[in-house]
PDB file of N, CA and C in Angstrom:
ATOM      1  N   MET A   1    -156.725 227.187-108.968  1.00  0.00           N
ATOM      2  CA  MET A   1    -158.003 226.685-109.443  1.00  0.00           C
ATOM      3  C   MET A   1    -157.878 226.071-110.832  1.00  0.00           C
ATOM      4  N   LYS A   2    -157.120 226.718-111.738  1.00  0.00           N
ATOM      5  CA  LYS A   2    -156.958 226.197-113.090  1.00  0.00           C
ATOM      6  C   LYS A   2    -156.270 224.837-113.074  1.00  0.00           C
ATOM      7  N   LYS A   3    -155.334 224.645-112.134  1.00  0.00           N
ATOM      8  CA  LYS A   3    -154.608 223.377-112.052  1.00  0.00           C
ATOM      9  C   LYS A   3    -155.548 222.227-111.702  1.00  0.00           C
ATOM     10  N   ILE A   4    -156.586 222.501-110.951  1.00  0.00           N
ATOM     11  CA  ILE A   4    -157.549 221.473-110.559  1.00  0.00           C
ATOM     12  C   ILE A   4    -158.590 221.256-111.654  1.00  0.00           C
ATOM     13  N   MET A   5    -159.047 222.325-112.275  1.00  0.00           N
ATOM     14  CA  MET A   5    -160.136 222.236-113.248  1.00  0.00           C
ATOM     15  C   MET A   5    -159.753 221.472-114.514  1.00  0.00           C
ATOM     16  N   MET A   6    -158.559 221.676-115.031  1.00  0.00           N
ATOM     17  CA  MET A   6    -158.173 221.012-116.282  1.00  0.00           C
ATOM     18  C   MET A   6    -158.147 219.487-116.135  1.00  0.00           C
ATOM     19  N   PRO A   7    -157.488 218.932-115.092  1.00  0.00           N
ATOM     20  CA  PRO A   7    -157.541 217.466-114.948  1.00  0.00           C
ATOM     21  C   PRO A   7    -158.959 216.957-114.699  1.00  0.00           C
ATOM     22  N   LEU A   8    -159.740 217.723-113.941  1.00  0.00           N
ATOM     23  CA  LEU A   8    -161.121 217.326-113.676  1.00  0.00           C
ATOM     24  C   LEU A   8    -161.927 217.302-114.970  1.00  0.00           C
ATOM     25  N   PHE A   9    -161.752 218.327-115.800  1.00  0.00           N
ATOM     26  CA  PHE A   9    -162.422 218.384-117.095  1.00  0.00           C
ATOM     27  C   PHE A   9    -162.017 217.182-117.952  1.00  0.00           C
ATOM     28  N   GLY A  10    -160.732 216.849-117.951  1.00  0.00           N
ATOM     29  CA  GLY A  10    -160.245 215.698-118.718  1.00  0.00           C
ATOM     30  C   GLY A  10    -160.879 214.399-118.252  1.00  0.00           C
ATOM     31  N   LEU A  11    -161.040 214.241-116.949  1.00  0.00           N
ATOM     32  CA  LEU A  11    -161.675 213.033-116.415  1.00  0.00           C
ATOM     33  C   LEU A  11    -163.141 212.951-116.814  1.00  0.00           C
ATOM     34  N   VAL A  12    -163.833 214.082-116.775  1.00  0.00           N
ATOM     35  CA  VAL A  12    -165.246 214.101-117.161  1.00  0.00           C
ATOM     36  C   VAL A  12    -165.393 213.731-118.631  1.00  0.00           C
ATOM     37  N   VAL A  13    -164.565 214.330-119.490  1.00  0.00           N
ATOM     38  CA  VAL A  13    -164.631 214.029-120.925  1.00  0.00           C
ATOM     39  C   VAL A  13    -164.308 212.563-121.171  1.00  0.00           C
ATOM     40  N   ALA A  14    -163.269 212.045-120.526  1.00  0.00           N
ATOM     41  CA  ALA A  14    -162.905 210.637-120.705  1.00  0.00           C
ATOM     42  C   ALA A  14    -164.022 209.722-120.214  1.00  0.00           C
ATOM     43  N   GLY A  15    -164.642 210.091-119.103  1.00  0.00           N
ATOM     44  CA  GLY A  15    -165.739 209.282-118.572  1.00  0.00           C
ATOM     45  C   GLY A  15    -166.934 209.254-119.502  1.00  0.00           C
ATOM     46  N   LEU A  16    -167.263 210.403-120.072  1.00  0.00           N
ATOM     47  CA  LEU A  16    -168.385 210.455-121.011  1.00  0.00           C
ATOM     48  C   LEU A  16    -168.080 209.681-122.278  1.00  0.00           C
ATOM     49  N   ALA A  17    -166.849 209.754-122.746  1.00  0.00           N
ATOM     50  CA  ALA A  17    -166.472 209.039-123.963  1.00  0.00           C
ATOM     51  C   ALA A  17    -166.540 207.534-123.760  1.00  0.00           C
ATOM     52  N   ALA A  18    -166.302 207.085-122.548  1.00  0.00           N
ATOM     53  CA  ALA A  18    -166.301 205.650-122.276  1.00  0.00           C
ATOM     54  C   ALA A  18    -167.681 205.103-121.955  1.00  0.00           C
ATOM     55  N   CYS A  19    -168.663 205.975-121.776  1.00  0.00           N
ATOM     56  CA  CYS A  19    -170.014 205.540-121.419  1.00  0.00           C
ATOM     57  C   CYS A  19    -170.634 204.702-122.516  1.00  0.00           C
ATOM     58  N   GLU A  20    -171.314 203.674-122.113  1.00  0.00           N
ATOM     59  CA  GLU A  20    -172.097 202.851-123.028  1.00  0.00           C
ATOM     60  C   GLU A  20    -173.486 202.788-122.447  1.00  0.00           C
ATOM     61  N   THR A  21    -174.464 203.203-123.212  1.00  0.00           N
ATOM     62  CA  THR A  21    -175.822 203.218-122.699  1.00  0.00           C
ATOM     63  C   THR A  21    -176.606 202.050-123.249  1.00  0.00           C
ATOM     64  N   MET A  22    -177.528 201.603-122.479  1.00  0.00           N
ATOM     65  CA  MET A  22    -178.394 200.509-122.890  1.00  0.00           C
ATOM     66  C   MET A  22    -179.719 201.107-123.344  1.00  0.00           C
ATOM     67  N   PRO A  23    -180.441 200.391-124.171  1.00  0.00           N
ATOM     68  CA  PRO A  23    -181.723 200.912-124.632  1.00  0.00           C
ATOM     69  C   PRO A  23    -182.704 201.016-123.482  1.00  0.00           C
ATOM     70  N   GLU A  24    -183.588 201.980-123.581  1.00  0.00           N
ATOM     71  CA  GLU A  24    -184.643 202.122-122.595  1.00  0.00           C
ATOM     72  C   GLU A  24    -185.689 201.060-122.858  1.00  0.00           C
ATOM     73  N   SER A  25    -186.426 200.718-121.825  1.00  0.00           N
ATOM     74  CA  SER A  25    -187.481 199.739-122.033  1.00  0.00           C
ATOM     75  C   SER A  25    -188.742 200.439-122.502  1.00  0.00           C
ATOM     76  N   GLY A  26    -189.616 199.686-123.074  1.00  0.00           N
ATOM     77  CA  GLY A  26    -190.878 200.242-123.543  1.00  0.00           C
ATOM     78  C   GLY A  26    -190.937 200.246-125.050  1.00  0.00           C
ATOM     79  N   ALA A  27    -192.105 199.982-125.574  1.00  0.00           N
ATOM     80  CA  ALA A  27    -192.271 199.900-127.019  1.00  0.00           C
ATOM     81  C   ALA A  27    -191.980 201.232-127.667  1.00  0.00           C
ATOM     82  N   GLY A  28    -191.179 201.183-128.707  1.00  0.00           N
ATOM     83  CA  GLY A  28    -190.892 202.360-129.493  1.00  0.00           C
ATOM     84  C   GLY A  28    -189.895 203.317-128.874  1.00  0.00           C
ATOM     85  N   SER A  29    -189.342 202.980-127.710  1.00  0.00           N
ATOM     86  CA  SER A  29    -188.365 203.882-127.124  1.00  0.00           C
ATOM     87  C   SER A  29    -187.089 203.837-127.951  1.00  0.00           C
ATOM     88  N   THR A  30    -186.383 204.937-127.971  1.00  0.00           N
ATOM     89  CA  THR A  30    -185.180 205.026-128.778  1.00  0.00           C
ATOM     90  C   THR A  30    -183.967 204.951-127.875  1.00  0.00           C
ATOM     91  N   PRO A  31    -183.134 203.926-128.034  1.00  0.00           N
ATOM     92  CA  PRO A  31    -181.935 203.857-127.210  1.00  0.00           C
ATOM     93  C   PRO A  31    -180.935 204.891-127.683  1.00  0.00           C
ATOM     94  N   ALA A  32    -180.093 205.352-126.768  1.00  0.00           N
ATOM     95  CA  ALA A  32    -178.984 206.195-127.192  1.00  0.00           C
ATOM     96  C   ALA A  32    -178.060 205.327-128.039  1.00  0.00           C
ATOM     97  N   ILE A  33    -177.345 205.944-128.944  1.00  0.00           N
ATOM     98  CA  ILE A  33    -176.437 205.174-129.786  1.00  0.00           C
ATOM     99  C   ILE A  33    -175.450 204.463-128.882  1.00  0.00           C
ATOM    100  N   GLN A  34    -175.256 203.208-129.121  1.00  0.00           N
ATOM    101  CA  GLN A  34    -174.437 202.367-128.281  1.00  0.00           C
ATOM    102  C   GLN A  34    -173.256 201.872-129.086  1.00  0.00           C
ATOM    103  N   HIS A  35    -172.088 201.926-128.482  1.00  0.00           N
ATOM    104  CA  HIS A  35    -170.902 201.392-129.133  1.00  0.00           C
ATOM    105  C   HIS A  35    -170.773 199.947-128.694  1.00  0.00           C
ATOM    106  N   GLY A  36    -171.013 199.030-129.588  1.00  0.00           N
ATOM    107  CA  GLY A  36    -170.931 197.624-129.252  1.00  0.00           C
ATOM    108  C   GLY A  36    -172.090 196.859-129.843  1.00  0.00           C
ATOM    109  N   THR A  37    -171.933 195.593-129.832  1.00  0.00           N
ATOM    110  CA  THR A  37    -172.894 194.692-130.442  1.00  0.00           C
ATOM    111  C   THR A  37    -174.122 194.513-129.563  1.00  0.00           C
ATOM    112  N   VAL A  38    -175.272 194.358-130.190  1.00  0.00           N
ATOM    113  CA  VAL A  38    -176.495 194.008-129.465  1.00  0.00           C
ATOM    114  C   VAL A  38    -176.244 192.617-128.885  1.00  0.00           C
ATOM    115  N   SER A  39    -176.249 192.511-127.570  1.00  0.00           N
ATOM    116  CA  SER A  39    -175.809 191.270-126.920  1.00  0.00           C
ATOM    117  C   SER A  39    -176.564 190.031-127.388  1.00  0.00           C
ATOM    118  N   SER A  40    -177.853 190.155-127.636  1.00  0.00           N
ATOM    119  CA  SER A  40    -178.633 188.981-128.042  1.00  0.00           C
ATOM    120  C   SER A  40    -178.373 188.570-129.491  1.00  0.00           C
ATOM    121  N   LEU A  41    -177.621 189.387-130.237  1.00  0.00           N
ATOM    122  CA  LEU A  41    -177.341 189.078-131.645  1.00  0.00           C
ATOM    123  C   LEU A  41    -175.849 188.923-131.934  1.00  0.00           C
ATOM    124  N   LYS A  42    -175.016 188.970-130.900  1.00  0.00           N
ATOM    125  CA  LYS A  42    -173.571 188.953-131.129  1.00  0.00           C
ATOM    126  C   LYS A  42    -173.096 187.691-131.841  1.00  0.00           C
ATOM    127  N   ASP A  43    -173.833 186.606-131.708  1.00  0.00           N
ATOM    128  CA  ASP A  43    -173.440 185.371-132.389  1.00  0.00           C
ATOM    129  C   ASP A  43    -173.611 185.463-133.905  1.00  0.00           C
ATOM    130  N   LEU A  44    -174.323 186.481-134.395  1.00  0.00           N
ATOM    131  CA  LEU A  44    -174.534 186.627-135.839  1.00  0.00           C
ATOM    132  C   LEU A  44    -173.416 187.407-136.531  1.00  0.00           C
ATOM    133  N   VAL A  45    -172.569 188.103-135.760  1.00  0.00           N
ATOM    134  CA  VAL A  45    -171.449 188.818-136.371  1.00  0.00           C
ATOM    135  C   VAL A  45    -170.532 187.781-137.020  1.00  0.00           C
ATOM    136  N   GLY A  46    -170.272 187.963-138.302  1.00  0.00           N
ATOM    137  CA  GLY A  46    -169.484 187.002-139.075  1.00  0.00           C
ATOM    138  C   GLY A  46    -170.344 186.083-139.932  1.00  0.00           C
ATOM    139  N   ALA A  47    -171.655 186.077-139.674  1.00  0.00           N
ATOM    140  CA  ALA A  47    -172.563 185.219-140.453  1.00  0.00           C
ATOM    141  C   ALA A  47    -172.689 185.745-141.878  1.00  0.00           C
ATOM    142  N   ARG A  48    -172.979 184.831-142.812  1.00  0.00           N
ATOM    143  CA  ARG A  48    -173.266 185.261-144.183  1.00  0.00           C
ATOM    144  C   ARG A  48    -174.575 186.042-144.169  1.00  0.00           C
ATOM    145  N   GLY A  49    -174.657 187.051-145.022  1.00  0.00           N
ATOM    146  CA  GLY A  49    -175.809 187.947-145.048  1.00  0.00           C
ATOM    147  C   GLY A  49    -177.148 187.248-145.073  1.00  0.00           C
ATOM    148  N   ARG A  50    -177.333 186.313-145.989  1.00  0.00           N
ATOM    149  CA  ARG A  50    -178.626 185.627-146.121  1.00  0.00           C
ATOM    150  C   ARG A  50    -178.950 184.811-144.868  1.00  0.00           C
ATOM    151  N   ASP A  51    -177.943 184.124-144.330  1.00  0.00           N
ATOM    152  CA  ASP A  51    -178.162 183.336-143.115  1.00  0.00           C
ATOM    153  C   ASP A  51    -178.523 184.246-141.940  1.00  0.00           C
ATOM    154  N   GLY A  52    -177.859 185.394-141.868  1.00  0.00           N
ATOM    155  CA  GLY A  52    -178.139 186.352-140.804  1.00  0.00           C
ATOM    156  C   GLY A  52    -179.549 186.901-140.895  1.00  0.00           C
ATOM    157  N   GLU A  53    -179.994 187.195-142.119  1.00  0.00           N
ATOM    158  CA  GLU A  53    -181.361 187.705-142.307  1.00  0.00           C
ATOM    159  C   GLU A  53    -182.387 186.693-141.824  1.00  0.00           C
ATOM    160  N   ASP A  54    -182.182 185.430-142.172  1.00  0.00           N
ATOM    161  CA  ASP A  54    -183.104 184.382-141.717  1.00  0.00           C
ATOM    162  C   ASP A  54    -183.143 184.326-140.191  1.00  0.00           C
ATOM    163  N   GLN A  55    -181.980 184.431-139.561  1.00  0.00           N
ATOM    164  CA  GLN A  55    -181.913 184.388-138.102  1.00  0.00           C
ATOM    165  C   GLN A  55    -182.598 185.601-137.471  1.00  0.00           C
ATOM    166  N   MET A  56    -182.424 186.768-138.085  1.00  0.00           N
ATOM    167  CA  MET A  56    -183.083 187.976-137.567  1.00  0.00           C
ATOM    168  C   MET A  56    -184.601 187.781-137.561  1.00  0.00           C
ATOM    169  N   VAL A  57    -185.142 187.264-138.650  1.00  0.00           N
ATOM    170  CA  VAL A  57    -186.589 187.011-138.744  1.00  0.00           C
ATOM    171  C   VAL A  57    -187.003 185.958-137.720  1.00  0.00           C
ATOM    172  N   ASN A  58    -186.231 184.876-137.616  1.00  0.00           N
ATOM    173  CA  ASN A  58    -186.542 183.808-136.659  1.00  0.00           C
ATOM    174  C   ASN A  58    -186.556 184.312-135.218  1.00  0.00           C
ATOM    175  N   ARG A  59    -185.766 185.338-134.936  1.00  0.00           N
ATOM    176  CA  ARG A  59    -185.677 185.892-133.578  1.00  0.00           C
ATOM    177  C   ARG A  59    -186.668 187.028-133.340  1.00  0.00           C
ATOM    178  N   GLY A  60    -187.547 187.266-134.303  1.00  0.00           N
ATOM    179  CA  GLY A  60    -188.617 188.231-134.101  1.00  0.00           C
ATOM    180  C   GLY A  60    -188.331 189.651-134.554  1.00  0.00           C
ATOM    181  N   TYR A  61    -187.260 189.866-135.295  1.00  0.00           N
ATOM    182  CA  TYR A  61    -186.955 191.210-135.807  1.00  0.00           C
ATOM    183  C   TYR A  61    -187.679 191.416-137.131  1.00  0.00           C
ATOM    184  N   THR A  62    -188.085 192.653-137.377  1.00  0.00           N
ATOM    185  CA  THR A  62    -188.783 193.007-138.610  1.00  0.00           C
ATOM    186  C   THR A  62    -187.907 193.949-139.419  1.00  0.00           C
ATOM    187  N   TRP A  63    -187.636 193.571-140.674  1.00  0.00           N
ATOM    188  CA  TRP A  63    -186.809 194.403-141.550  1.00  0.00           C
ATOM    189  C   TRP A  63    -187.528 195.708-141.845  1.00  0.00           C
ATOM    190  N   ALA A  64    -186.789 196.826-141.796  1.00  0.00           N
ATOM    191  CA  ALA A  64    -187.366 198.140-142.083  1.00  0.00           C
ATOM    192  C   ALA A  64    -186.866 198.687-143.414  1.00  0.00           C
ATOM    193  N   ARG A  65    -185.552 198.665-143.627  1.00  0.00           N
ATOM    194  CA  ARG A  65    -184.990 199.191-144.874  1.00  0.00           C
ATOM    195  C   ARG A  65    -183.501 198.874-144.925  1.00  0.00           C
ATOM    196  N   THR A  66    -182.889 199.110-146.090  1.00  0.00           N
ATOM    197  CA  THR A  66    -181.454 198.920-146.283  1.00  0.00           C
ATOM    198  C   THR A  66    -180.898 200.086-147.083  1.00  0.00           C
ATOM    199  N   ASP A  67    -179.741 200.586-146.661  1.00  0.00           N
ATOM    200  CA  ASP A  67    -179.001 201.622-147.384  1.00  0.00           C
ATOM    201  C   ASP A  67    -177.630 201.067-147.737  1.00  0.00           C
ATOM    202  N   LYS A  68    -177.043 201.574-148.824  1.00  0.00           N
ATOM    203  CA  LYS A  68    -175.683 201.187-149.197  1.00  0.00           C
ATOM    204  C   LYS A  68    -174.788 202.413-149.144  1.00  0.00           C
ATOM    205  N   SER A  69    -173.580 202.212-148.638  1.00  0.00           N
ATOM    206  CA  SER A  69    -172.595 203.285-148.557  1.00  0.00           C
ATOM    207  C   SER A  69    -171.213 202.665-148.690  1.00  0.00           C
ATOM    208  N   GLY A  70    -170.461 203.114-149.688  1.00  0.00           N
ATOM    209  CA  GLY A  70    -169.147 202.529-149.909  1.00  0.00           C
ATOM    210  C   GLY A  70    -169.296 201.053-150.215  1.00  0.00           C
ATOM    211  N   GLY A  71    -168.525 200.235-149.549  1.00  0.00           N
ATOM    212  CA  GLY A  71    -168.588 198.793-149.758  1.00  0.00           C
ATOM    213  C   GLY A  71    -169.478 198.072-148.768  1.00  0.00           C
ATOM    214  N   SER A  72    -170.289 198.814-148.022  1.00  0.00           N
ATOM    215  CA  SER A  72    -171.131 198.200-146.992  1.00  0.00           C
ATOM    216  C   SER A  72    -172.604 198.457-147.253  1.00  0.00           C
ATOM    217  N   ALA A  73    -173.427 197.546-146.744  1.00  0.00           N
ATOM    218  CA  ALA A  73    -174.879 197.723-146.733  1.00  0.00           C
ATOM    219  C   ALA A  73    -175.298 197.824-145.269  1.00  0.00           C
ATOM    220  N   TYR A  74    -176.216 198.736-144.989  1.00  0.00           N
ATOM    221  CA  TYR A  74    -176.723 198.938-143.636  1.00  0.00           C
ATOM    222  C   TYR A  74    -178.204 198.598-143.629  1.00  0.00           C
ATOM    223  N   SER A  75    -178.542 197.505-142.944  1.00  0.00           N
ATOM    224  CA  SER A  75    -179.938 197.085-142.830  1.00  0.00           C
ATOM    225  C   SER A  75    -180.445 197.484-141.456  1.00  0.00           C
ATOM    226  N   TYR A  76    -181.662 197.983-141.434  1.00  0.00           N
ATOM    227  CA  TYR A  76    -182.271 198.436-140.183  1.00  0.00           C
ATOM    228  C   TYR A  76    -183.444 197.529-139.850  1.00  0.00           C
ATOM    229  N   TRP A  77    -183.475 197.069-138.614  1.00  0.00           N
ATOM    230  CA  TRP A  77    -184.455 196.101-138.146  1.00  0.00           C
ATOM    231  C   TRP A  77    -185.120 196.613-136.887  1.00  0.00           C
ATOM    232  N   ARG A  78    -186.415 196.344-136.753  1.00  0.00           N
ATOM    233  CA  ARG A  78    -187.187 196.716-135.570  1.00  0.00           C
ATOM    234  C   ARG A  78    -187.206 195.510-134.638  1.00  0.00           C
ATOM    235  N   GLU A  79    -186.851 195.749-133.374  1.00  0.00           N
ATOM    236  CA  GLU A  79    -186.788 194.703-132.359  1.00  0.00           C
ATOM    237  C   GLU A  79    -188.190 194.406-131.829  1.00  0.00           C
ATOM    238  N   LYS A  80    -188.564 193.128-131.825  1.00  0.00           N
ATOM    239  CA  LYS A  80    -189.882 192.723-131.337  1.00  0.00           C
ATOM    240  C   LYS A  80    -189.996 193.046-129.845  1.00  0.00           C
ATOM    241  N   GLY A  81    -191.141 193.491-129.447  1.00  0.00           N
ATOM    242  CA  GLY A  81    -191.374 193.796-128.031  1.00  0.00           C
ATOM    243  C   GLY A  81    -190.987 195.217-127.676  1.00  0.00           C
ATOM    244  N   SER A  82    -189.707 195.535-127.752  1.00  0.00           N
ATOM    245  CA  SER A  82    -189.240 196.875-127.367  1.00  0.00           C
ATOM    246  C   SER A  82    -189.476 197.904-128.463  1.00  0.00           C
ATOM    247  N   GLY A  83    -189.468 197.458-129.723  1.00  0.00           N
ATOM    248  CA  GLY A  83    -189.603 198.384-130.838  1.00  0.00           C
ATOM    249  C   GLY A  83    -188.332 199.139-131.159  1.00  0.00           C
ATOM    250  N   ASN A  84    -187.235 198.828-130.464  1.00  0.00           N
ATOM    251  CA  ASN A  84    -185.966 199.501-130.718  1.00  0.00           C
ATOM    252  C   ASN A  84    -185.448 199.179-132.109  1.00  0.00           C
ATOM    253  N   CYS A  85    -184.635 200.088-132.646  1.00  0.00           N
ATOM    254  CA  CYS A  85    -184.061 199.924-133.981  1.00  0.00           C
ATOM    255  C   CYS A  85    -182.633 199.395-133.865  1.00  0.00           C
ATOM    256  N   VAL A  86    -182.313 198.437-134.716  1.00  0.00           N
ATOM    257  CA  VAL A  86    -180.993 197.816-134.747  1.00  0.00           C
ATOM    258  C   VAL A  86    -180.429 197.969-136.152  1.00  0.00           C
ATOM    259  N   SER A  87    -179.149 198.330-136.241  1.00  0.00           N
ATOM    260  CA  SER A  87    -178.470 198.462-137.530  1.00  0.00           C
ATOM    261  C   SER A  87    -177.497 197.303-137.712  1.00  0.00           C
ATOM    262  N   VAL A  88    -177.573 196.667-138.883  1.00  0.00           N
ATOM    263  CA  VAL A  88    -176.659 195.577-139.225  1.00  0.00           C
ATOM    264  C   VAL A  88    -175.812 196.039-140.403  1.00  0.00           C
ATOM    265  N   ARG A  89    -174.488 196.088-140.201  1.00  0.00           N
ATOM    266  CA  ARG A  89    -173.588 196.445-141.305  1.00  0.00           C
ATOM    267  C   ARG A  89    -173.063 195.167-141.931  1.00  0.00           C
ATOM    268  N   THR A  90    -173.276 195.046-143.251  1.00  0.00           N
ATOM    269  CA  THR A  90    -172.809 193.885-144.008  1.00  0.00           C
ATOM    270  C   THR A  90    -171.749 194.350-144.992  1.00  0.00           C
ATOM    271  N   SER A  91    -170.639 193.644-145.022  1.00  0.00           N
ATOM    272  CA  SER A  91    -169.556 193.942-145.952  1.00  0.00           C
ATOM    273  C   SER A  91    -168.946 192.627-146.409  1.00  0.00           C
ATOM    274  N   GLU A  92    -168.629 192.543-147.694  1.00  0.00           N
ATOM    275  CA  GLU A  92    -168.063 191.324-148.272  1.00  0.00           C
ATOM    276  C   GLU A  92    -168.949 190.115-147.980  1.00  0.00           C
ATOM    277  N   GLY A  93    -170.264 190.354-147.955  1.00  0.00           N
ATOM    278  CA  GLY A  93    -171.231 189.277-147.791  1.00  0.00           C
ATOM    279  C   GLY A  93    -171.429 188.767-146.379  1.00  0.00           C
ATOM    280  N   ARG A  94    -170.804 189.411-145.396  1.00  0.00           N
ATOM    281  CA  ARG A  94    -170.920 188.936-144.009  1.00  0.00           C
ATOM    282  C   ARG A  94    -171.306 190.064-143.065  1.00  0.00           C
ATOM    283  N   TYR A  95    -172.021 189.681-141.999  1.00  0.00           N
ATOM    284  CA  TYR A  95    -172.381 190.651-140.968  1.00  0.00           C
ATOM    285  C   TYR A  95    -171.101 191.081-140.248  1.00  0.00           C
ATOM    286  N   LYS A  96    -170.862 192.380-140.208  1.00  0.00           N
ATOM    287  CA  LYS A  96    -169.663 192.919-139.554  1.00  0.00           C
ATOM    288  C   LYS A  96    -169.974 193.534-138.199  1.00  0.00           C
ATOM    289  N   SER A  97    -171.154 194.137-138.056  1.00  0.00           N
ATOM    290  CA  SER A  97    -171.532 194.722-136.765  1.00  0.00           C
ATOM    291  C   SER A  97    -173.049 194.787-136.652  1.00  0.00           C
ATOM    292  N   ILE A  98    -173.521 194.734-135.406  1.00  0.00           N
ATOM    293  CA  ILE A  98    -174.955 194.824-135.108  1.00  0.00           C
ATOM    294  C   ILE A  98    -175.081 195.706-133.873  1.00  0.00           C
ATOM    295  N   VAL A  99    -175.630 196.909-134.053  1.00  0.00           N
ATOM    296  CA  VAL A  99    -175.694 197.877-132.958  1.00  0.00           C
ATOM    297  C   VAL A  99    -177.067 198.537-132.887  1.00  0.00           C
ATOM    298  N   TYR A 100    -177.415 199.034-131.682  1.00  0.00           N
ATOM    299  CA  TYR A 100    -178.620 199.846-131.546  1.00  0.00           C
ATOM    300  C   TYR A 100    -178.387 201.176-132.244  1.00  0.00           C
ATOM    301  N   THR A 101    -179.434 201.721-132.819  1.00  0.00           N
ATOM    302  CA  THR A 101    -179.364 202.976-133.555  1.00  0.00           C
ATOM    303  C   THR A 101    -180.650 203.762-133.285  1.00  0.00           C
ATOM    304  N   PRO A 102    -180.672 205.064-133.520  1.00  0.00           N
ATOM    305  CA  PRO A 102    -181.894 205.838-133.251  1.00  0.00           C
ATOM    306  C   PRO A 102    -183.114 205.269-133.976  1.00  0.00           C
ATOM    307  N   GLY A 103    -184.263 205.336-133.341  1.00  0.00           N
ATOM    308  CA  GLY A 103    -185.499 204.799-133.904  1.00  0.00           C
ATOM    309  C   GLY A 103    -185.844 205.361-135.267  1.00  0.00           C
ATOM    310  N   SER A 104    -185.443 206.598-135.521  1.00  0.00           N
ATOM    311  CA  SER A 104    -185.738 207.218-136.820  1.00  0.00           C
ATOM    312  C   SER A 104    -185.056 206.483-137.973  1.00  0.00           C
ATOM    313  N   ASP A 105    -183.989 205.734-137.691  1.00  0.00           N
ATOM    314  CA  ASP A 105    -183.312 204.963-138.745  1.00  0.00           C
ATOM    315  C   ASP A 105    -184.184 203.834-139.279  1.00  0.00           C
ATOM    316  N   CYS A 106    -185.165 203.405-138.515  1.00  0.00           N
ATOM    317  CA  CYS A 106    -186.046 202.320-138.950  1.00  0.00           C
ATOM    318  C   CYS A 106    -187.275 202.832-139.694  1.00  0.00           C
ATOM    319  N   GLN A 107    -187.346 204.124-139.947  1.00  0.00           N
ATOM    320  CA  GLN A 107    -188.473 204.689-140.692  1.00  0.00           C
ATOM    321  C   GLN A 107    -188.131 204.764-142.170  1.00  0.00           C
ATOM    322  N   ASP A 108    -189.163 204.681-143.013  1.00  0.00           N
ATOM    323  CA  ASP A 108    -188.971 204.815-144.459  1.00  0.00           C
ATOM    324  C   ASP A 108    -188.402 206.183-144.778  1.00  0.00           C
ATOM    325  N   ARG A 109    -187.572 206.205-145.805  1.00  0.00           N
ATOM    326  CA  ARG A 109    -186.989 207.497-146.228  1.00  0.00           C
ATOM    327  C   ARG A 109    -187.352 207.774-147.643  1.00  0.00           C
TER     328      ARG A 109
END
């Protein structure tokens, strides 16, 4: 039994680690943290910060707040329609990543 359970456990753990979840639909729903770029914004990765901000506004996102940590700034934006929260990491003046993040990240602190 132990010989079967250990490989099975390893497969389950590997499968869970590889899972990528999409945001739920509905206003204000909180997507599970997703590893990867928000597909509708992937063209902004590499953009200069100011240009990216203009594009975010043009695409209907509402800025919520910005935090700084190390050499990066993390801006949180509310997605129009769904209300989901998106995190934009900026480093060296350019957008480095854009991912879904828990809705609580878009609240004032």
